[in-house]
């Protein structure tokens, strides 16, 4: 069974309430209809009456089985504006300015989640990752103990990895261009949490590089080694059930036989399931290569480190992709 099928079955037990921010997109309408029809979650879609009507027609949906809210005319705007002023009190916003911001569907969706009207947000089929993340950070903020929001990609493997895993998690692939040591620690901890939440399996985290355990010397390796060491200290101090190693090459992280030759003392033993990339270039390039050159389904970017579940979509996503990310978001509400 694929990891997505497992996630879908788990999502059905959550009774989650989700908001889809971009109701003007027919792909969103198709996904929202199927999510509700399959009993995965309750869904609210944001859009004007004309947007929803046209999107339903293009999606082939004759009758909505989901709730619809127009963020431009909703009576919730006043209360949302008041709460946004409180959240952003350092900016000294006026009520009028806050109300204008709340009419932006990304901010409206995040405030619905912040206020507990829904449990999670799905957006990004039209909006950029930058815009989705900005709204989430300004309204919801980061989780306790995490300063850096990040993203991950969930890979649903067509055949098991050399260590026997049906899924892997890549991070960060969409948010932080050149994370420093402390940011890499936050990314690793958030990624481990994401992997455990979605799979129920113990996270085994590899900080990837072009060298393994000192096999090469270069200034770029310093932050990777330090990040791995600091993450291990945090794991031990907080009693987290996570295995960490780095710096380590991808083959030694993923293939037990290669690990035995290159780094027999590695705690991972070639069984990594969470791969932390040193920068956005390597992370983004790697997941796209894997996705386009193999029979692997990829879900994300999944936003991490936020106080509540918010997930981004690729602007090239299909309705099925949105469906999968929504099921993932429902699981993250547990």
C-alpha atoms as a PDB file:
ATOM      1  CA  UNK A   1       0.000   0.000   0.000  1.00  0.00           C
ATOM      2  CA  UNK A   2       1.356   3.441  -0.904  1.00  0.00           C
ATOM      3  CA  UNK A   3       2.007   5.936   1.869  1.00  0.00           C
ATOM      4  CA  UNK A   4      -0.728   8.172   0.472  1.00  0.00           C
ATOM      5  CA  UNK A   5      -3.334   5.416   0.836  1.00  0.00           C
ATOM      6  CA  UNK A   6      -2.254   4.985   4.447  1.00  0.00           C
ATOM      7  CA  UNK A   7      -2.493   8.740   5.009  1.00  0.00           C
ATOM      8  CA  UNK A   8      -5.957   8.878   3.427  1.00  0.00           C
ATOM      9  CA  UNK A   9      -7.238   6.157   5.752  1.00  0.00           C
ATOM     10  CA  UNK A  10      -5.766   7.955   8.771  1.00  0.00           C
ATOM     11  CA  UNK A  11      -7.229  11.266   7.605  1.00  0.00           C
ATOM     12  CA  UNK A  12     -10.735   9.769   7.584  1.00  0.00           C
ATOM     13  CA  UNK A  13     -10.493   9.269  11.347  1.00  0.00           C
ATOM     14  CA  UNK A  14      -9.593  12.889  12.159  1.00  0.00           C
ATOM     15  CA  UNK A  15     -12.883  14.739  11.545  1.00  0.00           C
ATOM     16  CA  UNK A  16     -10.654  17.598  10.394  1.00  0.00           C
ATOM     17  CA  UNK A  17     -11.978  20.912   9.113  1.00  0.00           C
ATOM     18  CA  UNK A  18      -9.935  22.407   6.274  1.00  0.00           C
ATOM     19  CA  UNK A  19     -10.092  25.661   4.345  1.00  0.00           C
ATOM     20  CA  UNK A  20      -9.082  25.869   0.674  1.00  0.00           C
ATOM     21  CA  UNK A  21      -8.081  29.460  -0.029  1.00  0.00           C
ATOM     22  CA  UNK A  22      -8.321  29.522  -3.837  1.00  0.00           C
ATOM     23  CA  UNK A  23     -11.883  28.679  -4.777  1.00  0.00           C
ATOM     24  CA  UNK A  24     -11.503  30.391  -8.144  1.00  0.00           C
ATOM     25  CA  UNK A  25      -9.353  27.441  -9.283  1.00  0.00           C
ATOM     26  CA  UNK A  26     -11.302  24.516 -10.837  1.00  0.00           C
ATOM     27  CA  UNK A  27      -8.607  22.106  -9.599  1.00  0.00           C
ATOM     28  CA  UNK A  28      -9.331  23.211  -6.036  1.00  0.00           C
ATOM     29  CA  UNK A  29     -13.060  22.687  -6.564  1.00  0.00           C
ATOM     30  CA  UNK A  30     -12.476  19.176  -7.922  1.00  0.00           C
ATOM     31  CA  UNK A  31     -10.254  18.303  -4.956  1.00  0.00           C
ATOM     32  CA  UNK A  32     -12.596  19.871  -2.377  1.00  0.00           C
ATOM     33  CA  UNK A  33     -15.578  17.946  -3.770  1.00  0.00           C
ATOM     34  CA  UNK A  34     -13.672  14.629  -3.661  1.00  0.00           C
ATOM     35  CA  UNK A  35     -12.257  15.270  -0.167  1.00  0.00           C
ATOM     36  CA  UNK A  36     -15.768  15.758   1.225  1.00  0.00           C
ATOM     37  CA  UNK A  37     -17.277  12.976  -0.873  1.00  0.00           C
ATOM     38  CA  UNK A  38     -14.658  10.495   0.351  1.00  0.00           C
ATOM     39  CA  UNK A  39     -15.165  11.481   3.997  1.00  0.00           C
ATOM     40  CA  UNK A  40     -11.623  12.749   4.514  1.00  0.00           C
ATOM     41  CA  UNK A  41     -12.482  16.179   5.936  1.00  0.00           C
ATOM     42  CA  UNK A  42     -15.047  18.952   6.123  1.00  0.00           C
ATOM     43  CA  UNK A  43     -14.077  21.703   3.693  1.00  0.00           C
ATOM     44  CA  UNK A  44     -14.658  25.427   3.377  1.00  0.00           C
ATOM     45  CA  UNK A  45     -13.724  27.028   0.053  1.00  0.00           C
ATOM     46  CA  UNK A  46     -13.046  30.758  -0.259  1.00  0.00           C
ATOM     47  CA  UNK A  47     -14.319  32.669  -3.264  1.00  0.00           C
ATOM     48  CA  UNK A  48     -16.923  35.056  -4.576  1.00  0.00           C
ATOM     49  CA  UNK A  49     -20.219  33.703  -5.845  1.00  0.00           C
ATOM     50  CA  UNK A  50     -19.214  34.271  -9.473  1.00  0.00           C
ATOM     51  CA  UNK A  51     -15.784  32.654  -8.941  1.00  0.00           C
ATOM     52  CA  UNK A  52     -17.282  29.553  -7.355  1.00  0.00           C
ATOM     53  CA  UNK A  53     -19.977  29.259 -10.013  1.00  0.00           C
ATOM     54  CA  UNK A  54     -17.472  29.441 -12.852  1.00  0.00           C
ATOM     55  CA  UNK A  55     -14.939  27.150 -11.173  1.00  0.00           C
ATOM     56  CA  UNK A  56     -17.644  24.541 -10.465  1.00  0.00           C
ATOM     57  CA  UNK A  57     -18.746  24.664 -14.100  1.00  0.00           C
ATOM     58  CA  UNK A  58     -15.180  24.159 -15.345  1.00  0.00           C
ATOM     59  CA  UNK A  59     -14.598  21.413 -12.772  1.00  0.00           C
ATOM     60  CA  UNK A  60     -17.778  19.576 -13.720  1.00  0.00           C
ATOM     61  CA  UNK A  61     -19.198  19.917 -10.205  1.00  0.00           C
ATOM     62  CA  UNK A  62     -22.943  20.453 -10.373  1.00  0.00           C
ATOM     63  CA  UNK A  63     -23.669  20.901  -6.646  1.00  0.00           C
ATOM     64  CA  UNK A  64     -21.292  21.958  -3.875  1.00  0.00           C
ATOM     65  CA  UNK A  65     -20.923  19.523  -0.990  1.00  0.00           C
ATOM     66  CA  UNK A  66     -18.602  21.981   0.799  1.00  0.00           C
ATOM     67  CA  UNK A  67     -19.108  25.329   2.517  1.00  0.00           C
ATOM     68  CA  UNK A  68     -18.333  28.538   0.658  1.00  0.00           C
ATOM     69  CA  UNK A  69     -17.296  31.888   2.156  1.00  0.00           C
ATOM     70  CA  UNK A  70     -16.734  35.094   0.233  1.00  0.00           C
ATOM     71  CA  UNK A  71     -13.772  36.766   1.993  1.00  0.00           C
ATOM     72  CA  UNK A  72     -14.696  40.122   0.447  1.00  0.00           C
ATOM     73  CA  UNK A  73     -18.101  40.368   2.081  1.00  0.00           C
ATOM     74  CA  UNK A  74     -17.997  37.978   5.053  1.00  0.00           C
ATOM     75  CA  UNK A  75     -19.271  39.315   8.407  1.00  0.00           C
ATOM     76  CA  UNK A  76     -16.197  37.655   9.931  1.00  0.00           C
ATOM     77  CA  UNK A  77     -13.992  40.442   8.545  1.00  0.00           C
ATOM     78  CA  UNK A  78     -14.521  42.789  11.528  1.00  0.00           C
ATOM     79  CA  UNK A  79     -13.640  40.182  14.121  1.00  0.00           C
ATOM     80  CA  UNK A  80     -10.695  38.956  12.034  1.00  0.00           C
ATOM     81  CA  UNK A  81      -9.400  42.524  11.636  1.00  0.00           C
ATOM     82  CA  UNK A  82      -9.622  43.098  15.385  1.00  0.00           C
ATOM     83  CA  UNK A  83      -7.680  39.924  16.106  1.00  0.00           C
ATOM     84  CA  UNK A  84      -5.109  40.680  13.422  1.00  0.00           C
ATOM     85  CA  UNK A  85      -4.488  44.061  15.051  1.00  0.00           C
ATOM     86  CA  UNK A  86      -3.786  42.196  18.280  1.00  0.00           C
ATOM     87  CA  UNK A  87      -1.518  39.645  16.598  1.00  0.00           C
ATOM     88  CA  UNK A  88       0.400  42.427  14.807  1.00  0.00           C
ATOM     89  CA  UNK A  89       0.166  45.036  17.564  1.00  0.00           C
ATOM     90  CA  UNK A  90       3.811  45.997  17.142  1.00  0.00           C
ATOM     91  CA  UNK A  91       2.882  47.361  13.690  1.00  0.00           C
ATOM     92  CA  UNK A  92       0.176  49.688  15.065  1.00  0.00           C
ATOM     93  CA  UNK A  93      -2.354  48.713  12.403  1.00  0.00           C
ATOM     94  CA  UNK A  94      -5.615  50.596  12.099  1.00  0.00           C
ATOM     95  CA  UNK A  95      -8.844  48.607  11.915  1.00  0.00           C
ATOM     96  CA  UNK A  96      -9.389  49.788   8.342  1.00  0.00           C
ATOM     97  CA  UNK A  97      -5.932  48.631   7.284  1.00  0.00           C
ATOM     98  CA  UNK A  98      -6.383  45.291   9.039  1.00  0.00           C
ATOM     99  CA  UNK A  99      -9.792  44.803   7.408  1.00  0.00           C
ATOM    100  CA  UNK A 100      -8.273  45.376   3.964  1.00  0.00           C
ATOM    101  CA  UNK A 101      -5.586  42.773   4.695  1.00  0.00           C
ATOM    102  CA  UNK A 102      -8.185  40.280   5.920  1.00  0.00           C
ATOM    103  CA  UNK A 103      -9.970  40.517   2.561  1.00  0.00           C
ATOM    104  CA  UNK A 104      -6.940  38.826   1.063  1.00  0.00           C
ATOM    105  CA  UNK A 105      -8.019  35.178   0.858  1.00  0.00           C
ATOM    106  CA  UNK A 106      -4.658  33.866   2.138  1.00  0.00           C
ATOM    107  CA  UNK A 107      -4.862  35.993   5.287  1.00  0.00           C
ATOM    108  CA  UNK A 108      -8.566  35.212   5.709  1.00  0.00           C
ATOM    109  CA  UNK A 109      -7.884  31.467   5.499  1.00  0.00           C
ATOM    110  CA  UNK A 110      -5.054  31.649   8.028  1.00  0.00           C
ATOM    111  CA  UNK A 111      -7.174  33.698  10.424  1.00  0.00           C
ATOM    112  CA  UNK A 112      -9.919  31.066  10.184  1.00  0.00           C
ATOM    113  CA  UNK A 113      -7.306  28.558  11.348  1.00  0.00           C
ATOM    114  CA  UNK A 114      -5.872  30.885  13.998  1.00  0.00           C
ATOM    115  CA  UNK A 115      -9.381  31.425  15.407  1.00  0.00           C
ATOM    116  CA  UNK A 116     -10.140  27.696  15.458  1.00  0.00           C
ATOM    117  CA  UNK A 117     -12.889  27.805  12.829  1.00  0.00           C
ATOM    118  CA  UNK A 118     -10.881  25.274  10.831  1.00  0.00           C
ATOM    119  CA  UNK A 119      -7.994  22.976  11.720  1.00  0.00           C
ATOM    120  CA  UNK A 120      -5.769  23.462   8.672  1.00  0.00           C
ATOM    121  CA  UNK A 121      -5.148  25.512   5.529  1.00  0.00           C
ATOM    122  CA  UNK A 122      -4.421  24.410   1.954  1.00  0.00           C
ATOM    123  CA  UNK A 123      -3.307  27.087  -0.539  1.00  0.00           C
ATOM    124  CA  UNK A 124      -0.823  27.786  -3.304  1.00  0.00           C
ATOM    125  CA  UNK A 125      -2.351  26.452  -6.522  1.00  0.00           C
ATOM    126  CA  UNK A 126      -2.351  30.086  -7.684  1.00  0.00           C
ATOM    127  CA  UNK A 127      -0.429  32.015  -5.009  1.00  0.00           C
ATOM    128  CA  UNK A 128       3.345  31.720  -4.667  1.00  0.00           C
ATOM    129  CA  UNK A 129       5.006  29.870  -1.796  1.00  0.00           C
ATOM    130  CA  UNK A 130       6.339  33.236  -0.604  1.00  0.00           C
ATOM    131  CA  UNK A 131       2.839  34.712  -0.355  1.00  0.00           C
ATOM    132  CA  UNK A 132       1.387  31.624   1.329  1.00  0.00           C
ATOM    133  CA  UNK A 133       4.172  31.524   3.904  1.00  0.00           C
ATOM    134  CA  UNK A 134       4.080  35.272   4.581  1.00  0.00           C
ATOM    135  CA  UNK A 135       0.382  35.147   5.438  1.00  0.00           C
ATOM    136  CA  UNK A 136       0.873  32.107   7.671  1.00  0.00           C
ATOM    137  CA  UNK A 137       3.809  33.607   9.541  1.00  0.00           C
ATOM    138  CA  UNK A 138       2.008  36.898  10.132  1.00  0.00           C
ATOM    139  CA  UNK A 139      -1.229  35.304  11.350  1.00  0.00           C
ATOM    140  CA  UNK A 140      -0.354  31.891  12.821  1.00  0.00           C
ATOM    141  CA  UNK A 141       3.359  32.191  13.552  1.00  0.00           C
ATOM    142  CA  UNK A 142       5.889  29.476  14.316  1.00  0.00           C
ATOM    143  CA  UNK A 143       5.492  26.591  16.746  1.00  0.00           C
ATOM    144  CA  UNK A 144       6.917  26.712  20.261  1.00  0.00           C
ATOM    145  CA  UNK A 145      10.674  26.151  20.228  1.00  0.00           C
ATOM    146  CA  UNK A 146      10.967  26.776  16.479  1.00  0.00           C
ATOM    147  CA  UNK A 147      12.181  30.075  15.049  1.00  0.00           C
ATOM    148  CA  UNK A 148      12.454  29.078  11.389  1.00  0.00           C
ATOM    149  CA  UNK A 149       9.573  27.949   9.209  1.00  0.00           C
ATOM    150  CA  UNK A 150      10.580  25.543   6.458  1.00  0.00           C
ATOM    151  CA  UNK A 151       9.197  23.051   3.972  1.00  0.00           C
ATOM    152  CA  UNK A 152       9.510  19.415   3.069  1.00  0.00           C
ATOM    153  CA  UNK A 153       8.562  17.114   0.219  1.00  0.00           C
ATOM    154  CA  UNK A 154       7.051  13.696   0.933  1.00  0.00           C
ATOM    155  CA  UNK A 155       8.209  11.097  -1.579  1.00  0.00           C
ATOM    156  CA  UNK A 156       5.886   8.128  -2.119  1.00  0.00           C
ATOM    157  CA  UNK A 157       8.287   5.535  -3.537  1.00  0.00           C
ATOM    158  CA  UNK A 158       7.210   3.141  -6.288  1.00  0.00           C
ATOM    159  CA  UNK A 159       9.485   0.486  -4.772  1.00  0.00           C
ATOM    160  CA  UNK A 160      11.095   0.432  -1.317  1.00  0.00           C
ATOM    161  CA  UNK A 161      14.351   2.216  -0.597  1.00  0.00           C
ATOM    162  CA  UNK A 162      17.443   0.005  -0.016  1.00  0.00           C
ATOM    163  CA  UNK A 163      16.608   0.141   3.711  1.00  0.00           C
ATOM    164  CA  UNK A 164      13.000  -0.897   3.058  1.00  0.00           C
ATOM    165  CA  UNK A 165      11.135   2.407   3.402  1.00  0.00           C
ATOM    166  CA  UNK A 166       8.130   3.167   1.197  1.00  0.00           C
ATOM    167  CA  UNK A 167       8.472   6.903   1.759  1.00  0.00           C
ATOM    168  CA  UNK A 168      11.169   9.500   2.334  1.00  0.00           C
ATOM    169  CA  UNK A 169      11.104  13.143   3.377  1.00  0.00           C
ATOM    170  CA  UNK A 170      13.302  15.813   1.732  1.00  0.00           C
ATOM    171  CA  UNK A 171      13.877  19.227   3.380  1.00  0.00           C
ATOM    172  CA  UNK A 172      14.170  22.161   2.894  1.00  0.00           C
ATOM    173  CA  UNK A 173      13.054  22.310  -0.724  1.00  0.00           C
ATOM    174  CA  UNK A 174      11.087  25.558  -1.050  1.00  0.00           C
ATOM    175  CA  UNK A 175      11.639  28.157   1.675  1.00  0.00           C
ATOM    176  CA  UNK A 176      15.149  28.870   3.035  1.00  0.00           C
ATOM    177  CA  UNK A 177      17.753  29.613   0.326  1.00  0.00           C
ATOM    178  CA  UNK A 178      20.870  29.314   2.480  1.00  0.00           C
ATOM    179  CA  UNK A 179      19.990  28.252   6.037  1.00  0.00           C
ATOM    180  CA  UNK A 180      22.552  28.839   8.756  1.00  0.00           C
ATOM    181  CA  UNK A 181      23.417  26.312  11.448  1.00  0.00           C
ATOM    182  CA  UNK A 182      20.529  27.159  13.787  1.00  0.00           C
ATOM    183  CA  UNK A 183      18.045  27.181  10.914  1.00  0.00           C
ATOM    184  CA  UNK A 184      19.227  23.735   9.801  1.00  0.00           C
ATOM    185  CA  UNK A 185      18.568  22.471  13.339  1.00  0.00           C
ATOM    186  CA  UNK A 186      15.009  23.842  13.214  1.00  0.00           C
ATOM    187  CA  UNK A 187      14.512  22.309   9.762  1.00  0.00           C
ATOM    188  CA  UNK A 188      15.721  18.914  10.984  1.00  0.00           C
ATOM    189  CA  UNK A 189      13.516  18.845  14.095  1.00  0.00           C
ATOM    190  CA  UNK A 190      10.442  20.023  12.163  1.00  0.00           C
ATOM    191  CA  UNK A 191      11.103  17.484   9.401  1.00  0.00           C
ATOM    192  CA  UNK A 192      11.425  14.647  11.889  1.00  0.00           C
ATOM    193  CA  UNK A 193       8.092  15.658  13.389  1.00  0.00           C
ATOM    194  CA  UNK A 194       6.470  15.799   9.938  1.00  0.00           C
ATOM    195  CA  UNK A 195       7.759  12.356   9.032  1.00  0.00           C
ATOM    196  CA  UNK A 196       6.581  10.766  12.262  1.00  0.00           C
ATOM    197  CA  UNK A 197       3.174  12.443  12.030  1.00  0.00           C
ATOM    198  CA  UNK A 198       2.580  11.170   8.505  1.00  0.00           C
ATOM    199  CA  UNK A 199       4.114   7.695   8.694  1.00  0.00           C
ATOM    200  CA  UNK A 200       4.198   6.728  12.369  1.00  0.00           C
ATOM    201  CA  UNK A 201       7.802   5.573  11.856  1.00  0.00           C
ATOM    202  CA  UNK A 202      10.869   6.615  13.834  1.00  0.00           C
ATOM    203  CA  UNK A 203      12.646   9.500  12.084  1.00  0.00           C
ATOM    204  CA  UNK A 204      16.223   8.793  11.015  1.00  0.00           C
ATOM    205  CA  UNK A 205      17.705  12.121   9.975  1.00  0.00           C
ATOM    206  CA  UNK A 206      20.697  12.548   7.663  1.00  0.00           C
ATOM    207  CA  UNK A 207      22.442  15.901   7.148  1.00  0.00           C
ATOM    208  CA  UNK A 208      23.601  15.458   3.556  1.00  0.00           C
ATOM    209  CA  UNK A 209      26.824  16.743   2.029  1.00  0.00           C
ATOM    210  CA  UNK A 210      29.485  15.785  -0.518  1.00  0.00           C
ATOM    211  CA  UNK A 211      31.597  14.271   2.266  1.00  0.00           C
ATOM    212  CA  UNK A 212      31.104  11.588   4.898  1.00  0.00           C
ATOM    213  CA  UNK A 213      32.499  11.936   8.415  1.00  0.00           C
ATOM    214  CA  UNK A 214      35.470  14.102   7.496  1.00  0.00           C
ATOM    215  CA  UNK A 215      36.340  12.400   4.193  1.00  0.00           C
ATOM    216  CA  UNK A 216      36.825  15.879   2.689  1.00  0.00           C
ATOM    217  CA  UNK A 217      37.653  19.316   4.019  1.00  0.00           C
ATOM    218  CA  UNK A 218      35.923  22.479   2.811  1.00  0.00           C
ATOM    219  CA  UNK A 219      34.548  25.590   4.489  1.00  0.00           C
ATOM    220  CA  UNK A 220      31.008  24.737   3.288  1.00  0.00           C
ATOM    221  CA  UNK A 221      31.007  21.577   5.442  1.00  0.00           C
ATOM    222  CA  UNK A 222      31.356  23.446   8.723  1.00  0.00           C
ATOM    223  CA  UNK A 223      27.722  24.433   9.142  1.00  0.00           C
ATOM    224  CA  UNK A 224      26.527  20.928   8.237  1.00  0.00           C
ATOM    225  CA  UNK A 225      28.739  19.274  10.842  1.00  0.00           C
ATOM    226  CA  UNK A 226      27.785  21.822  13.463  1.00  0.00           C
ATOM    227  CA  UNK A 227      24.067  21.552  12.663  1.00  0.00           C
ATOM    228  CA  UNK A 228      24.174  17.761  12.980  1.00  0.00           C
ATOM    229  CA  UNK A 229      26.005  18.027  16.315  1.00  0.00           C
ATOM    230  CA  UNK A 230      23.603  20.641  17.707  1.00  0.00           C
ATOM    231  CA  UNK A 231      20.581  18.647  16.562  1.00  0.00           C
ATOM    232  CA  UNK A 232      21.914  15.546  18.289  1.00  0.00           C
ATOM    233  CA  UNK A 233      22.408  17.550  21.493  1.00  0.00           C
ATOM    234  CA  UNK A 234      18.837  18.865  21.286  1.00  0.00           C
ATOM    235  CA  UNK A 235      17.464  15.383  20.644  1.00  0.00           C
ATOM    236  CA  UNK A 236      19.254  14.043  23.724  1.00  0.00           C
ATOM    237  CA  UNK A 237      18.355  17.018  25.923  1.00  0.00           C
ATOM    238  CA  UNK A 238      14.649  16.813  25.054  1.00  0.00           C
ATOM    239  CA  UNK A 239      14.456  13.024  25.007  1.00  0.00           C
ATOM    240  CA  UNK A 240      13.293  12.864  21.387  1.00  0.00           C
ATOM    241  CA  UNK A 241      13.147   9.479  19.680  1.00  0.00           C
ATOM    242  CA  UNK A 242      15.142  10.537  16.618  1.00  0.00           C
ATOM    243  CA  UNK A 243      18.384   9.203  15.100  1.00  0.00           C
ATOM    244  CA  UNK A 244      20.704  11.876  13.670  1.00  0.00           C
ATOM    245  CA  UNK A 245      23.945  11.741  11.690  1.00  0.00           C
ATOM    246  CA  UNK A 246      25.997  14.027   9.463  1.00  0.00           C
ATOM    247  CA  UNK A 247      27.836  15.153   7.508  1.00  0.00           C
ATOM    248  CA  UNK A 248      27.083  12.192   5.284  1.00  0.00           C
ATOM    249  CA  UNK A 249      26.793  11.454   1.575  1.00  0.00           C
ATOM    250  CA  UNK A 250      23.434  10.397   0.166  1.00  0.00           C
ATOM    251  CA  UNK A 251      24.520   6.859  -0.733  1.00  0.00           C
ATOM    252  CA  UNK A 252      25.935   6.227   2.743  1.00  0.00           C
ATOM    253  CA  UNK A 253      22.746   7.639   4.270  1.00  0.00           C
ATOM    254  CA  UNK A 254      20.371   5.495   2.212  1.00  0.00           C
ATOM    255  CA  UNK A 255      22.159   2.193   1.412  1.00  0.00           C
ATOM    256  CA  UNK A 256      23.104  -0.094   4.325  1.00  0.00           C
ATOM    257  CA  UNK A 257      25.876  -1.892   2.408  1.00  0.00           C
ATOM    258  CA  UNK A 258      27.538   1.388   1.413  1.00  0.00           C
ATOM    259  CA  UNK A 259      27.191   2.735   4.941  1.00  0.00           C
ATOM    260  CA  UNK A 260      28.959  -0.368   6.251  1.00  0.00           C
ATOM    261  CA  UNK A 261      31.926   0.405   3.986  1.00  0.00           C
ATOM    262  CA  UNK A 262      32.080   4.204   4.241  1.00  0.00           C
ATOM    263  CA  UNK A 263      30.972   4.840   7.817  1.00  0.00           C
ATOM    264  CA  UNK A 264      30.474   1.653   9.846  1.00  0.00           C
ATOM    265  CA  UNK A 265      30.122   3.730  13.013  1.00  0.00           C
ATOM    266  CA  UNK A 266      27.167   5.747  11.634  1.00  0.00           C
ATOM    267  CA  UNK A 267      24.093   5.743  13.862  1.00  0.00           C
ATOM    268  CA  UNK A 268      21.951   5.667  10.710  1.00  0.00           C
ATOM    269  CA  UNK A 269      23.503   2.463   9.319  1.00  0.00           C
ATOM    270  CA  UNK A 270      22.278   3.451   5.848  1.00  0.00           C
ATOM    271  CA  UNK A 271      18.638   3.615   6.972  1.00  0.00           C
ATOM    272  CA  UNK A 272      17.877   7.353   6.704  1.00  0.00           C
ATOM    273  CA  UNK A 273      14.279   8.320   5.964  1.00  0.00           C
ATOM    274  CA  UNK A 274      14.584  12.109   6.460  1.00  0.00           C
ATOM    275  CA  UNK A 275      17.154  13.889   4.273  1.00  0.00           C
ATOM    276  CA  UNK A 276      18.256  17.417   5.217  1.00  0.00           C
ATOM    277  CA  UNK A 277      19.883  19.363   2.391  1.00  0.00           C
ATOM    278  CA  UNK A 278      22.476  22.082   3.079  1.00  0.00           C
ATOM    279  CA  UNK A 279      20.698  24.692   0.959  1.00  0.00           C
ATOM    280  CA  UNK A 280      17.681  25.322  -1.238  1.00  0.00           C
ATOM    281  CA  UNK A 281      19.591  24.760  -4.471  1.00  0.00           C
ATOM    282  CA  UNK A 282      20.480  21.185  -3.581  1.00  0.00           C
ATOM    283  CA  UNK A 283      17.098  20.378  -2.027  1.00  0.00           C
ATOM    284  CA  UNK A 284      14.940  21.780  -4.819  1.00  0.00           C
ATOM    285  CA  UNK A 285      17.089  20.345  -7.618  1.00  0.00           C
ATOM    286  CA  UNK A 286      17.190  16.917  -5.983  1.00  0.00           C
ATOM    287  CA  UNK A 287      13.456  16.459  -5.475  1.00  0.00           C
ATOM    288  CA  UNK A 288      12.642  17.651  -8.996  1.00  0.00           C
ATOM    289  CA  UNK A 289      15.212  15.290 -10.528  1.00  0.00           C
ATOM    290  CA  UNK A 290      13.838  12.368  -8.539  1.00  0.00           C
ATOM    291  CA  UNK A 291      10.247  13.298  -9.391  1.00  0.00           C
ATOM    292  CA  UNK A 292      10.790  13.701 -13.151  1.00  0.00           C
ATOM    293  CA  UNK A 293      13.218  10.839 -13.767  1.00  0.00           C
ATOM    294  CA  UNK A 294      11.491   8.108 -11.774  1.00  0.00           C
ATOM    295  CA  UNK A 295       8.081   6.685 -10.974  1.00  0.00           C
ATOM    296  CA  UNK A 296       7.766   8.514  -7.661  1.00  0.00           C
ATOM    297  CA  UNK A 297       4.849  10.626  -6.450  1.00  0.00           C
ATOM    298  CA  UNK A 298       5.898  13.775  -4.601  1.00  0.00           C
ATOM    299  CA  UNK A 299       3.635  15.757  -2.250  1.00  0.00           C
ATOM    300  CA  UNK A 300       4.379  19.287  -1.101  1.00  0.00           C
ATOM    301  CA  UNK A 301       5.847  21.691  -0.364  1.00  0.00           C
ATOM    302  CA  UNK A 302       4.554  20.816   3.113  1.00  0.00           C
ATOM    303  CA  UNK A 303       5.114  23.809   5.364  1.00  0.00           C
ATOM    304  CA  UNK A 304       6.771  23.039   8.698  1.00  0.00           C
ATOM    305  CA  UNK A 305       7.490  24.758  11.959  1.00  0.00           C
ATOM    306  CA  UNK A 306       4.183  26.647  12.031  1.00  0.00           C
ATOM    307  CA  UNK A 307       1.902  26.658  15.059  1.00  0.00           C
ATOM    308  CA  UNK A 308      -0.929  25.067  13.042  1.00  0.00           C
ATOM    309  CA  UNK A 309      -1.094  22.956   9.873  1.00  0.00           C
ATOM    310  CA  UNK A 310      -0.724  24.986   6.683  1.00  0.00           C
ATOM    311  CA  UNK A 311       0.352  23.414   3.416  1.00  0.00           C
ATOM    312  CA  UNK A 312       1.487  24.908   0.163  1.00  0.00           C
ATOM    313  CA  UNK A 313       0.803  23.610  -3.336  1.00  0.00           C
ATOM    314  CA  UNK A 314       2.867  23.681  -6.479  1.00  0.00           C
ATOM    315  CA  UNK A 315       1.280  26.009  -9.026  1.00  0.00           C
ATOM    316  CA  UNK A 316       1.607  23.145 -11.509  1.00  0.00           C
ATOM    317  CA  UNK A 317      -0.411  20.810  -9.277  1.00  0.00           C
ATOM    318  CA  UNK A 318      -3.292  18.614 -10.386  1.00  0.00           C
ATOM    319  CA  UNK A 319      -6.573  18.101  -8.549  1.00  0.00           C
ATOM    320  CA  UNK A 320      -5.179  14.751  -7.365  1.00  0.00           C
ATOM    321  CA  UNK A 321      -2.101  16.504  -5.958  1.00  0.00           C
ATOM    322  CA  UNK A 322      -4.361  18.891  -4.021  1.00  0.00           C
ATOM    323  CA  UNK A 323      -6.378  15.924  -2.773  1.00  0.00           C
ATOM    324  CA  UNK A 324      -3.193  14.286  -1.462  1.00  0.00           C
ATOM    325  CA  UNK A 325      -1.927  17.432   0.263  1.00  0.00           C
ATOM    326  CA  UNK A 326      -5.349  17.946   1.852  1.00  0.00           C
ATOM    327  CA  UNK A 327      -5.272  14.416   3.259  1.00  0.00           C
ATOM    328  CA  UNK A 328      -1.787  15.094   4.626  1.00  0.00           C
ATOM    329  CA  UNK A 329      -3.019  18.323   6.211  1.00  0.00           C
ATOM    330  CA  UNK A 330      -5.886  16.469   7.857  1.00  0.00           C
ATOM    331  CA  UNK A 331      -3.402  14.012   9.409  1.00  0.00           C
ATOM    332  CA  UNK A 332      -1.302  16.895  10.711  1.00  0.00           C
ATOM    333  CA  UNK A 333      -4.282  18.176  12.701  1.00  0.00           C
ATOM    334  CA  UNK A 334      -4.113  15.194  15.066  1.00  0.00           C
END
